[in-house]
C-alpha atoms as a PDB file:
ATOM      1  CA  GLN A   1      -0.919  10.427  14.764  1.00  0.00           C
ATOM      2  CA  ALA A   2      -1.824   8.229  11.848  1.00  0.00           C
ATOM      3  CA  GLN A   3      -3.392  10.044   8.906  1.00  0.00           C
ATOM      4  CA  PHE A   4      -4.954   6.921   7.370  1.00  0.00           C
ATOM      5  CA  VAL A   5      -6.878   3.935   8.736  1.00  0.00           C
ATOM      6  CA  GLU A   6      -6.167   0.646   7.065  1.00  0.00           C
ATOM      7  CA  SER A   7      -8.507  -2.390   7.126  1.00  0.00           C
ATOM      8  CA  GLY A   8      -9.054  -5.656   5.397  1.00  0.00           C
ATOM      9  CA  GLY A   9      -6.125  -7.598   6.848  1.00  0.00           C
ATOM     10  CA  GLY A  10      -6.437 -11.061   8.304  1.00  0.00           C
ATOM     11  CA  SER A  11      -5.272 -14.658   8.158  1.00  0.00           C
ATOM     12  CA  VAL A  12      -5.550 -16.745   5.012  1.00  0.00           C
ATOM     13  CA  GLN A  13      -4.107 -19.860   3.556  1.00  0.00           C
ATOM     14  CA  ALA A  14      -1.565 -19.727   0.664  1.00  0.00           C
ATOM     15  CA  GLY A  15      -3.351 -19.155  -2.589  1.00  0.00           C
ATOM     16  CA  GLY A  16      -6.025 -17.075  -0.935  1.00  0.00           C
ATOM     17  CA  SER A  17      -6.890 -13.447  -1.435  1.00  0.00           C
ATOM     18  CA  LEU A  18      -7.486 -10.263   0.598  1.00  0.00           C
ATOM     19  CA  ARG A  19      -8.492  -6.738  -0.261  1.00  0.00           C
ATOM     20  CA  LEU A  20      -6.942  -3.924   1.873  1.00  0.00           C
ATOM     21  CA  SER A  21      -8.590  -0.548   2.216  1.00  0.00           C
ATOM     22  CA  CYS A  22      -7.116   2.729   3.346  1.00  0.00           C
ATOM     23  CA  VAL A  23      -9.264   5.723   4.275  1.00  0.00           C
ATOM     24  CA  PRO A  24      -8.053   9.102   5.503  1.00  0.00           C
ATOM     25  CA  SER A  25      -8.696   9.916   9.177  1.00  0.00           C
ATOM     26  CA  ARG A  26      -9.475  13.449   8.218  1.00  0.00           C
ATOM     27  CA  ASP A  27     -10.710  15.258   5.112  1.00  0.00           C
ATOM     28  CA  ILE A  28      -8.012  14.743   2.464  1.00  0.00           C
ATOM     29  CA  TYR A  29      -8.802  14.680  -1.238  1.00  0.00           C
ATOM     30  CA  ALA A  30      -7.058  14.660  -4.538  1.00  0.00           C
ATOM     31  CA  ILE A  31      -4.018  12.730  -3.212  1.00  0.00           C
ATOM     32  CA  LEU A  32      -1.993  12.065  -6.414  1.00  0.00           C
ATOM     33  CA  TYR A  33       0.773   9.979  -4.995  1.00  0.00           C
ATOM     34  CA  MET A  34      -0.175   7.095  -2.749  1.00  0.00           C
ATOM     35  CA  GLY A  35       1.397   3.743  -1.944  1.00  0.00           C
ATOM     36  CA  TRP A  36       1.373   0.524   0.060  1.00  0.00           C
ATOM     37  CA  PHE A  37       4.334  -0.630   2.111  1.00  0.00           C
ATOM     38  CA  ARG A  38       4.831  -3.750   4.198  1.00  0.00           C
ATOM     39  CA  GLN A  39       7.047  -4.853   6.988  1.00  0.00           C
ATOM     40  CA  ALA A  40       7.691  -8.363   7.975  1.00  0.00           C
ATOM     41  CA  PRO A  41       9.131  -9.155  11.516  1.00  0.00           C
ATOM     42  CA  GLY A  42      12.826  -8.386  11.640  1.00  0.00           C
ATOM     43  CA  GLN A  43      12.887  -6.811   8.108  1.00  0.00           C
ATOM     44  CA  ALA A  44      12.922  -3.344   6.788  1.00  0.00           C
ATOM     45  CA  ARG A  45       9.763  -1.760   5.470  1.00  0.00           C
ATOM     46  CA  GLU A  46       9.437  -2.240   1.702  1.00  0.00           C
ATOM     47  CA  GLY A  47       7.409  -0.610  -0.966  1.00  0.00           C
ATOM     48  CA  VAL A  48       4.815  -2.877  -2.465  1.00  0.00           C
ATOM     49  CA  ALA A  49       2.859  -0.718  -4.916  1.00  0.00           C
ATOM     50  CA  THR A  50       2.136   2.860  -5.830  1.00  0.00           C
ATOM     51  CA  ILE A  51      -0.418   4.755  -7.773  1.00  0.00           C
ATOM     52  CA  TYR A  52       0.415   8.177  -9.268  1.00  0.00           C
ATOM     53  CA  PRO A  53      -0.565  10.353 -12.189  1.00  0.00           C
ATOM     54  CA  GLY A  54       1.602   8.285 -14.492  1.00  0.00           C
ATOM     55  CA  GLY A  55      -0.025   4.982 -13.524  1.00  0.00           C
ATOM     56  CA  THR A  56       0.891   2.211 -11.217  1.00  0.00           C
ATOM     57  CA  LEU A  57       4.141   0.619 -10.171  1.00  0.00           C
ATOM     58  CA  TYR A  58       4.784  -2.659  -8.302  1.00  0.00           C
ATOM     59  CA  ALA A  59       7.569  -4.482  -6.504  1.00  0.00           C
ATOM     60  CA  ASP A  60       8.803  -7.443  -8.570  1.00  0.00           C
ATOM     61  CA  SER A  61       7.662  -9.795  -5.757  1.00  0.00           C
ATOM     62  CA  VAL A  62       4.044  -8.871  -6.167  1.00  0.00           C
ATOM     63  CA  LYS A  63       3.634  -8.231  -9.857  1.00  0.00           C
ATOM     64  CA  GLY A  64       0.763  -9.996 -11.441  1.00  0.00           C
ATOM     65  CA  ARG A  65      -0.686 -10.796  -7.960  1.00  0.00           C
ATOM     66  CA  PHE A  66      -1.444  -7.456  -6.386  1.00  0.00           C
ATOM     67  CA  THR A  67      -3.440  -4.587  -7.793  1.00  0.00           C
ATOM     68  CA  ILE A  68      -3.534  -1.048  -6.362  1.00  0.00           C
ATOM     69  CA  SER A  69      -6.389   1.290  -7.047  1.00  0.00           C
ATOM     70  CA  GLN A  70      -7.875   4.565  -5.800  1.00  0.00           C
ATOM     71  CA  ASP A  71     -11.446   5.885  -5.594  1.00  0.00           C
ATOM     72  CA  ASN A  72     -12.567   8.671  -7.893  1.00  0.00           C
ATOM     73  CA  ALA A  73     -12.091  11.300  -5.223  1.00  0.00           C
ATOM     74  CA  LYS A  74      -8.456  10.184  -4.931  1.00  0.00           C
ATOM     75  CA  SER A  75      -8.633   9.937  -1.223  1.00  0.00           C
ATOM     76  CA  ARG A  76      -9.164   6.161  -0.565  1.00  0.00           C
ATOM     77  CA  LEU A  77      -6.640   3.488  -1.511  1.00  0.00           C
ATOM     78  CA  TYR A  78      -7.065  -0.208  -2.109  1.00  0.00           C
ATOM     79  CA  LEU A  79      -4.861  -3.231  -2.570  1.00  0.00           C
ATOM     80  CA  HIS A  80      -6.306  -6.411  -4.042  1.00  0.00           C
ATOM     81  CA  MET A  81      -4.053  -9.326  -3.287  1.00  0.00           C
ATOM     82  CA  ILE A  82      -4.517 -12.760  -4.910  1.00  0.00           C
ATOM     83  CA  SER A  83      -2.395 -15.907  -4.954  1.00  0.00           C
ATOM     84  CA  LEU A  84      -1.038 -15.001  -1.540  1.00  0.00           C
ATOM     85  CA  LYS A  85       2.185 -16.597  -0.373  1.00  0.00           C
ATOM     86  CA  PRO A  86       3.546 -17.124   3.177  1.00  0.00           C
ATOM     87  CA  GLU A  87       6.265 -14.557   2.333  1.00  0.00           C
ATOM     88  CA  ASP A  88       3.535 -11.970   1.932  1.00  0.00           C
ATOM     89  CA  THR A  89       3.016 -12.103   5.718  1.00  0.00           C
ATOM     90  CA  ALA A  90       3.574  -8.647   7.033  1.00  0.00           C
ATOM     91  CA  VAL A  91       2.015  -5.474   8.442  1.00  0.00           C
ATOM     92  CA  TYR A  92       0.753  -3.534   5.523  1.00  0.00           C
ATOM     93  CA  TYR A  93       0.814   0.297   5.641  1.00  0.00           C
ATOM     94  CA  CYS A  94      -0.882   2.944   3.514  1.00  0.00           C
ATOM     95  CA  ALA A  95       1.279   6.037   2.756  1.00  0.00           C
ATOM     96  CA  ALA A  96       0.875   9.240   0.749  1.00  0.00           C
ATOM     97  CA  THR A  97       2.277  12.625  -0.131  1.00  0.00           C
ATOM     98  CA  THR A  98       0.109  15.634  -0.889  1.00  0.00           C
ATOM     99  CA  SER A  99       2.589  17.017  -3.423  1.00  0.00           C
ATOM    100  CA  ASN A 100       1.014  17.833  -6.718  1.00  0.00           C
ATOM    101  CA  PHE A 101       4.046  16.817  -8.702  1.00  0.00           C
ATOM    102  CA  VAL A 102       7.059  14.744  -7.829  1.00  0.00           C
ATOM    103  CA  PHE A 103       9.795  14.552 -10.346  1.00  0.00           C
ATOM    104  CA  ASN A 104      11.037  11.067 -11.248  1.00  0.00           C
ATOM    105  CA  TRP A 105       8.484   9.233  -9.097  1.00  0.00           C
ATOM    106  CA  TYR A 106       9.429   6.037 -10.930  1.00  0.00           C
ATOM    107  CA  ALA A 107      12.791   6.036  -9.200  1.00  0.00           C
ATOM    108  CA  ARG A 108      11.594   7.365  -5.803  1.00  0.00           C
ATOM    109  CA  TRP A 109       8.349   5.609  -4.853  1.00  0.00           C
ATOM    110  CA  GLN A 110       9.906   2.853  -2.754  1.00  0.00           C
ATOM    111  CA  ASN A 111      11.763   5.381  -0.489  1.00  0.00           C
ATOM    112  CA  GLU A 112       9.827   5.796   2.758  1.00  0.00           C
ATOM    113  CA  SER A 113      10.939   9.338   3.180  1.00  0.00           C
ATOM    114  CA  GLU A 114       8.880  10.422   0.117  1.00  0.00           C
ATOM    115  CA  TYR A 115       5.705   9.799   2.137  1.00  0.00           C
ATOM    116  CA  PRO A 116       4.941  12.160   4.992  1.00  0.00           C
ATOM    117  CA  LEU A 117       1.519  10.737   5.659  1.00  0.00           C
ATOM    118  CA  TRP A 118       1.048   7.145   7.020  1.00  0.00           C
ATOM    119  CA  GLY A 119      -1.511   4.794   8.390  1.00  0.00           C
ATOM    120  CA  GLN A 120      -1.168   2.600  11.484  1.00  0.00           C
ATOM    121  CA  GLY A 121      -0.949  -0.687   9.507  1.00  0.00           C
ATOM    122  CA  THR A 122      -3.021  -3.825   9.183  1.00  0.00           C
ATOM    123  CA  GLN A 123      -1.705  -7.358   9.706  1.00  0.00           C
ATOM    124  CA  VAL A 124      -1.753  -9.942   6.875  1.00  0.00           C
ATOM    125  CA  THR A 125      -0.807 -13.494   7.763  1.00  0.00           C
ATOM    126  CA  VAL A 126      -0.590 -16.193   5.070  1.00  0.00           C
ATOM    127  CA  SER A 127      -0.192 -19.738   6.267  1.00  0.00           C
ATOM    128  CA  SER A 128       1.188 -22.638   4.183  1.00  0.00           C
END
């Protein structure tokens, strides 16, 4: 059962923008470690961005184009995407861990196994 519900996906042309949202399906607050992953057809799921007590981290492929943010209650997650490219086409997933501290998150955040809580995904399609 998905713990989060993502929304905001859709179809856009290259160069366009989208803002994804992720809200918990039950009462969850003060989530310190959250991230966005994506999975394109036939490819492995990859970490796109994360937000954690130390700040934010991004995959090289989206740096400067995507911005991850969280609400003040630290339960909702957002991903603002600009200058979208066809290679950004994928299903985007919200993920989280309720741990209060994760050592060396900088080196671990792109590992799916670090996130026990997931959403069901939202499709983003970018046409050329």
